[in-house]
Amino acid sequence: MIEGVKKDKEKVIDPVWSESRIREFLHLLPPAGENADFHKLLKAYQSMRAEDFDDFVGFFTSAGGDVTAHNAAGQSITDVLKAHRYSQPYLDTIAKHA
């Protein structure tokens, strides 16, 4: 670290997410050419603890979200998650809502 320069914020591990914060992910806009439902699921997976992701997917499906949506490369969120070592709780959530 450069002397005289300090970090401007500490890294927070496993923050508590409110329902309103979780629901904000229902309104994420995808980049051009990306499926909106896939994008929301991916961003929620990347950002949330498994418990919060479970709540999100419940809200997501209740709002008409598609847990089988695919990205531009033809992958479902399940395909992407299977490549990650600690994704089983997230995969279980997707399966529960499929």
N, C-alpha and C. Protein backbone atom coordinates (compact mmCIF):
# COMPACT_ATOMS: atom_id res chain seq x y z
N MET A 1 0.84 -1.17 0.00
CA MET A 1 0.00 0.00 0.00
C MET A 1 0.89 1.23 0.00
N ILE A 2 0.49 2.25 -0.69
CA ILE A 2 1.24 3.49 -0.76
C ILE A 2 1.12 4.21 0.58
N GLU A 3 2.25 4.67 1.09
CA GLU A 3 2.24 5.35 2.38
C GLU A 3 1.38 6.60 2.30
N GLY A 4 0.60 6.83 3.35
CA GLY A 4 -0.26 8.00 3.40
C GLY A 4 -1.61 7.81 2.73
N VAL A 5 -1.79 6.65 2.07
CA VAL A 5 -3.06 6.36 1.42
C VAL A 5 -3.71 5.21 2.17
N LYS A 6 -4.96 5.38 2.51
CA LYS A 6 -5.65 4.29 3.20
C LYS A 6 -6.88 3.87 2.42
N LYS A 7 -7.34 2.67 2.71
CA LYS A 7 -8.56 2.19 2.07
C LYS A 7 -9.70 3.10 2.46
N ASP A 8 -10.63 3.33 1.51
CA ASP A 8 -11.74 4.17 1.89
C ASP A 8 -12.92 3.41 2.47
N LYS A 9 -12.93 2.09 2.37
CA LYS A 9 -13.95 1.33 3.08
C LYS A 9 -13.47 -0.08 3.31
N GLU A 10 -13.99 -0.66 4.36
CA GLU A 10 -13.65 -2.03 4.71
C GLU A 10 -14.55 -2.99 3.92
N LYS A 11 -14.02 -4.14 3.61
CA LYS A 11 -14.80 -5.17 2.94
C LYS A 11 -15.78 -5.77 3.95
N VAL A 12 -17.04 -5.87 3.55
CA VAL A 12 -18.06 -6.45 4.41
C VAL A 12 -18.35 -7.86 3.91
N ILE A 13 -18.26 -8.81 4.80
CA ILE A 13 -18.53 -10.21 4.46
C ILE A 13 -19.92 -10.59 4.99
N ASP A 14 -20.72 -11.21 4.14
CA ASP A 14 -22.06 -11.67 4.52
C ASP A 14 -22.91 -10.59 5.18
N PRO A 15 -23.14 -9.48 4.50
CA PRO A 15 -24.02 -8.45 5.09
C PRO A 15 -25.45 -8.97 5.18
N VAL A 16 -26.21 -8.40 6.07
CA VAL A 16 -27.63 -8.74 6.17
C VAL A 16 -28.37 -7.95 5.10
N TRP A 17 -29.15 -8.64 4.31
CA TRP A 17 -29.90 -8.01 3.22
C TRP A 17 -31.35 -7.89 3.63
N SER A 18 -31.91 -6.72 3.45
CA SER A 18 -33.33 -6.51 3.71
C SER A 18 -34.13 -7.02 2.50
N GLU A 19 -35.41 -7.23 2.73
CA GLU A 19 -36.27 -7.68 1.64
C GLU A 19 -36.26 -6.66 0.50
N SER A 20 -36.29 -5.37 0.83
CA SER A 20 -36.31 -4.36 -0.23
C SER A 20 -35.02 -4.38 -1.04
N ARG A 21 -33.90 -4.63 -0.39
CA ARG A 21 -32.63 -4.71 -1.12
C ARG A 21 -32.62 -5.92 -2.04
N ILE A 22 -33.12 -7.03 -1.57
CA ILE A 22 -33.19 -8.25 -2.39
C ILE A 22 -34.10 -7.99 -3.61
N ARG A 23 -35.23 -7.35 -3.37
CA ARG A 23 -36.18 -7.08 -4.45
C ARG A 23 -35.64 -6.12 -5.50
N GLU A 24 -34.64 -5.30 -5.14
CA GLU A 24 -34.04 -4.38 -6.12
C GLU A 24 -33.50 -5.13 -7.32
N PHE A 25 -33.06 -6.37 -7.12
CA PHE A 25 -32.50 -7.17 -8.22
C PHE A 25 -33.56 -7.55 -9.25
N LEU A 26 -34.84 -7.42 -8.90
CA LEU A 26 -35.90 -7.69 -9.86
C LEU A 26 -35.95 -6.63 -10.96
N HIS A 27 -35.30 -5.49 -10.72
CA HIS A 27 -35.35 -4.37 -11.65
C HIS A 27 -34.05 -4.14 -12.41
N LEU A 28 -33.11 -5.07 -12.28
CA LEU A 28 -31.84 -4.92 -13.00
C LEU A 28 -32.07 -4.99 -14.51
N LEU A 29 -31.36 -4.16 -15.22
CA LEU A 29 -31.44 -4.17 -16.68
C LEU A 29 -30.21 -4.88 -17.24
N PRO A 30 -30.43 -5.76 -18.21
CA PRO A 30 -29.32 -6.50 -18.78
C PRO A 30 -28.54 -5.68 -19.81
N PRO A 31 -27.31 -6.09 -20.08
CA PRO A 31 -26.60 -5.46 -21.20
C PRO A 31 -27.29 -5.86 -22.51
N ALA A 32 -27.03 -5.12 -23.54
CA ALA A 32 -27.63 -5.41 -24.85
C ALA A 32 -27.35 -6.84 -25.27
N GLY A 33 -28.37 -7.53 -25.72
CA GLY A 33 -28.23 -8.89 -26.22
C GLY A 33 -28.32 -9.97 -25.16
N GLU A 34 -28.44 -9.60 -23.88
CA GLU A 34 -28.51 -10.59 -22.80
C GLU A 34 -29.95 -10.74 -22.35
N ASN A 35 -30.36 -11.96 -22.04
CA ASN A 35 -31.70 -12.24 -21.54
C ASN A 35 -31.85 -11.60 -20.15
N ALA A 36 -32.90 -10.84 -19.95
CA ALA A 36 -33.11 -10.11 -18.70
C ALA A 36 -33.23 -11.05 -17.50
N ASP A 37 -33.96 -12.15 -17.64
CA ASP A 37 -34.13 -13.07 -16.52
C ASP A 37 -32.81 -13.75 -16.16
N PHE A 38 -32.06 -14.18 -17.17
CA PHE A 38 -30.75 -14.79 -16.90
C PHE A 38 -29.85 -13.79 -16.18
N HIS A 39 -29.84 -12.56 -16.65
CA HIS A 39 -28.99 -11.51 -16.06
C HIS A 39 -29.33 -11.29 -14.59
N LYS A 40 -30.60 -11.21 -14.27
CA LYS A 40 -31.02 -11.00 -12.88
C LYS A 40 -30.58 -12.16 -11.99
N LEU A 41 -30.77 -13.38 -12.47
CA LEU A 41 -30.36 -14.56 -11.69
C LEU A 41 -28.85 -14.58 -11.47
N LEU A 42 -28.09 -14.30 -12.51
CA LEU A 42 -26.64 -14.32 -12.40
C LEU A 42 -26.15 -13.27 -11.42
N LYS A 43 -26.66 -12.06 -11.53
CA LYS A 43 -26.23 -10.98 -10.64
C LYS A 43 -26.63 -11.27 -9.20
N ALA A 44 -27.80 -11.83 -9.00
CA ALA A 44 -28.23 -12.20 -7.65
C ALA A 44 -27.32 -13.28 -7.09
N TYR A 45 -27.00 -14.29 -7.89
CA TYR A 45 -26.08 -15.35 -7.46
C TYR A 45 -24.72 -14.77 -7.08
N GLN A 46 -24.21 -13.88 -7.89
CA GLN A 46 -22.89 -13.30 -7.64
C GLN A 46 -22.87 -12.39 -6.41
N SER A 47 -24.01 -11.87 -6.03
CA SER A 47 -24.06 -10.86 -4.97
C SER A 47 -24.59 -11.35 -3.63
N MET A 48 -25.39 -12.39 -3.63
CA MET A 48 -26.13 -12.77 -2.43
C MET A 48 -25.63 -14.05 -1.78
N ARG A 49 -25.88 -14.12 -0.47
CA ARG A 49 -25.68 -15.37 0.26
C ARG A 49 -26.78 -16.33 -0.19
N ALA A 50 -26.60 -17.61 0.05
CA ALA A 50 -27.57 -18.61 -0.39
C ALA A 50 -28.97 -18.33 0.16
N GLU A 51 -29.06 -17.91 1.41
CA GLU A 51 -30.37 -17.65 2.02
C GLU A 51 -31.08 -16.49 1.32
N ASP A 52 -30.32 -15.45 1.00
CA ASP A 52 -30.90 -14.29 0.31
C ASP A 52 -31.27 -14.65 -1.12
N PHE A 53 -30.44 -15.46 -1.76
CA PHE A 53 -30.74 -15.91 -3.12
C PHE A 53 -32.03 -16.71 -3.15
N ASP A 54 -32.25 -17.52 -2.13
CA ASP A 54 -33.48 -18.30 -2.04
C ASP A 54 -34.68 -17.36 -1.97
N ASP A 55 -34.59 -16.33 -1.15
CA ASP A 55 -35.67 -15.34 -1.07
C ASP A 55 -35.85 -14.65 -2.42
N PHE A 56 -34.75 -14.25 -3.04
CA PHE A 56 -34.82 -13.58 -4.34
C PHE A 56 -35.53 -14.45 -5.37
N VAL A 57 -35.15 -15.70 -5.49
CA VAL A 57 -35.75 -16.57 -6.51
C VAL A 57 -37.25 -16.74 -6.25
N GLY A 58 -37.65 -16.76 -4.99
CA GLY A 58 -39.09 -16.79 -4.68
C GLY A 58 -39.79 -15.55 -5.21
N PHE A 59 -39.23 -14.37 -4.96
CA PHE A 59 -39.80 -13.12 -5.46
C PHE A 59 -39.77 -13.10 -6.99
N PHE A 60 -38.66 -13.56 -7.54
CA PHE A 60 -38.43 -13.57 -8.99
C PHE A 60 -39.48 -14.41 -9.71
N THR A 61 -39.70 -15.63 -9.22
CA THR A 61 -40.67 -16.51 -9.87
C THR A 61 -42.10 -16.02 -9.66
N SER A 62 -42.38 -15.44 -8.49
CA SER A 62 -43.70 -14.88 -8.24
C SER A 62 -44.01 -13.72 -9.19
N ALA A 63 -42.96 -13.02 -9.61
CA ALA A 63 -43.11 -11.91 -10.54
C ALA A 63 -43.09 -12.38 -12.00
N GLY A 64 -43.06 -13.69 -12.23
CA GLY A 64 -43.08 -14.22 -13.59
C GLY A 64 -41.72 -14.49 -14.19
N GLY A 65 -40.65 -14.41 -13.36
CA GLY A 65 -39.30 -14.68 -13.84
C GLY A 65 -39.11 -16.14 -14.23
N ASP A 66 -38.25 -16.36 -15.19
CA ASP A 66 -38.00 -17.70 -15.75
C ASP A 66 -36.64 -18.22 -15.28
N VAL A 67 -36.64 -19.22 -14.39
CA VAL A 67 -35.38 -19.78 -13.89
C VAL A 67 -34.67 -20.64 -14.92
N THR A 68 -35.32 -20.89 -16.06
CA THR A 68 -34.69 -21.67 -17.12
C THR A 68 -34.17 -20.79 -18.26
N ALA A 69 -34.17 -19.48 -18.05
CA ALA A 69 -33.69 -18.55 -19.08
C ALA A 69 -32.23 -18.83 -19.42
N HIS A 70 -31.85 -18.51 -20.65
CA HIS A 70 -30.49 -18.76 -21.13
C HIS A 70 -29.78 -17.46 -21.49
N ASN A 71 -28.46 -17.50 -21.38
CA ASN A 71 -27.66 -16.34 -21.79
C ASN A 71 -27.42 -16.40 -23.30
N ALA A 72 -26.69 -15.44 -23.82
CA ALA A 72 -26.43 -15.37 -25.26
C ALA A 72 -25.64 -16.57 -25.77
N ALA A 73 -24.90 -17.24 -24.87
CA ALA A 73 -24.14 -18.42 -25.25
C ALA A 73 -24.96 -19.71 -25.14
N GLY A 74 -26.23 -19.58 -24.76
CA GLY A 74 -27.10 -20.75 -24.66
C GLY A 74 -27.04 -21.47 -23.33
N GLN A 75 -26.41 -20.88 -22.34
CA GLN A 75 -26.29 -21.52 -21.02
C GLN A 75 -27.42 -21.06 -20.10
N SER A 76 -27.94 -21.98 -19.31
CA SER A 76 -28.89 -21.62 -18.27
C SER A 76 -28.09 -21.24 -17.02
N ILE A 77 -28.76 -20.67 -16.04
CA ILE A 77 -28.07 -20.34 -14.79
C ILE A 77 -27.57 -21.63 -14.13
N THR A 78 -28.31 -22.70 -14.28
CA THR A 78 -27.88 -23.99 -13.73
C THR A 78 -26.57 -24.44 -14.38
N ASP A 79 -26.45 -24.28 -15.69
CA ASP A 79 -25.22 -24.64 -16.39
C ASP A 79 -24.03 -23.85 -15.83
N VAL A 80 -24.23 -22.58 -15.60
CA VAL A 80 -23.15 -21.72 -15.09
C VAL A 80 -22.80 -22.11 -13.66
N LEU A 81 -23.80 -22.31 -12.82
CA LEU A 81 -23.55 -22.62 -11.41
C LEU A 81 -22.86 -23.96 -11.22
N LYS A 82 -23.16 -24.93 -12.07
CA LYS A 82 -22.55 -26.26 -11.93
C LYS A 82 -21.03 -26.22 -12.04
N ALA A 83 -20.49 -25.19 -12.65
CA ALA A 83 -19.04 -25.06 -12.79
C ALA A 83 -18.38 -24.48 -11.54
N HIS A 84 -19.18 -24.07 -10.56
CA HIS A 84 -18.65 -23.45 -9.35
C HIS A 84 -18.69 -24.43 -8.17
N ARG A 85 -17.62 -24.52 -7.47
CA ARG A 85 -17.45 -25.51 -6.40
C ARG A 85 -18.48 -25.41 -5.29
N TYR A 86 -18.83 -24.21 -4.85
CA TYR A 86 -19.71 -24.05 -3.68
C TYR A 86 -21.13 -23.61 -4.05
N SER A 87 -21.58 -24.00 -5.22
CA SER A 87 -22.87 -23.51 -5.71
C SER A 87 -24.06 -24.41 -5.37
N GLN A 88 -23.85 -25.52 -4.69
CA GLN A 88 -24.95 -26.47 -4.47
C GLN A 88 -26.18 -25.86 -3.81
N PRO A 89 -26.04 -25.03 -2.77
CA PRO A 89 -27.27 -24.44 -2.19
C PRO A 89 -28.03 -23.58 -3.20
N TYR A 90 -27.31 -22.92 -4.09
CA TYR A 90 -27.94 -22.09 -5.12
C TYR A 90 -28.63 -22.97 -6.16
N LEU A 91 -27.99 -24.06 -6.53
CA LEU A 91 -28.59 -25.01 -7.46
C LEU A 91 -29.86 -25.62 -6.87
N ASP A 92 -29.82 -25.92 -5.57
CA ASP A 92 -31.01 -26.45 -4.89
C ASP A 92 -32.16 -25.46 -4.95
N THR A 93 -31.86 -24.19 -4.77
CA THR A 93 -32.89 -23.15 -4.86
C THR A 93 -33.49 -23.11 -6.25
N ILE A 94 -32.65 -23.12 -7.27
CA ILE A 94 -33.15 -23.10 -8.66
C ILE A 94 -34.04 -24.31 -8.90
N ALA A 95 -33.60 -25.49 -8.48
CA ALA A 95 -34.38 -26.71 -8.68
C ALA A 95 -35.74 -26.63 -7.97
N LYS A 96 -35.75 -26.05 -6.80
CA LYS A 96 -36.98 -25.91 -6.02
C LYS A 96 -38.01 -25.03 -6.74
N HIS A 97 -37.54 -24.08 -7.50
CA HIS A 97 -38.43 -23.14 -8.17
C HIS A 97 -38.60 -23.42 -9.67
N ALA A 98 -38.01 -24.48 -10.15
CA ALA A 98 -38.08 -24.80 -11.60
C ALA A 98 -39.45 -25.37 -11.97
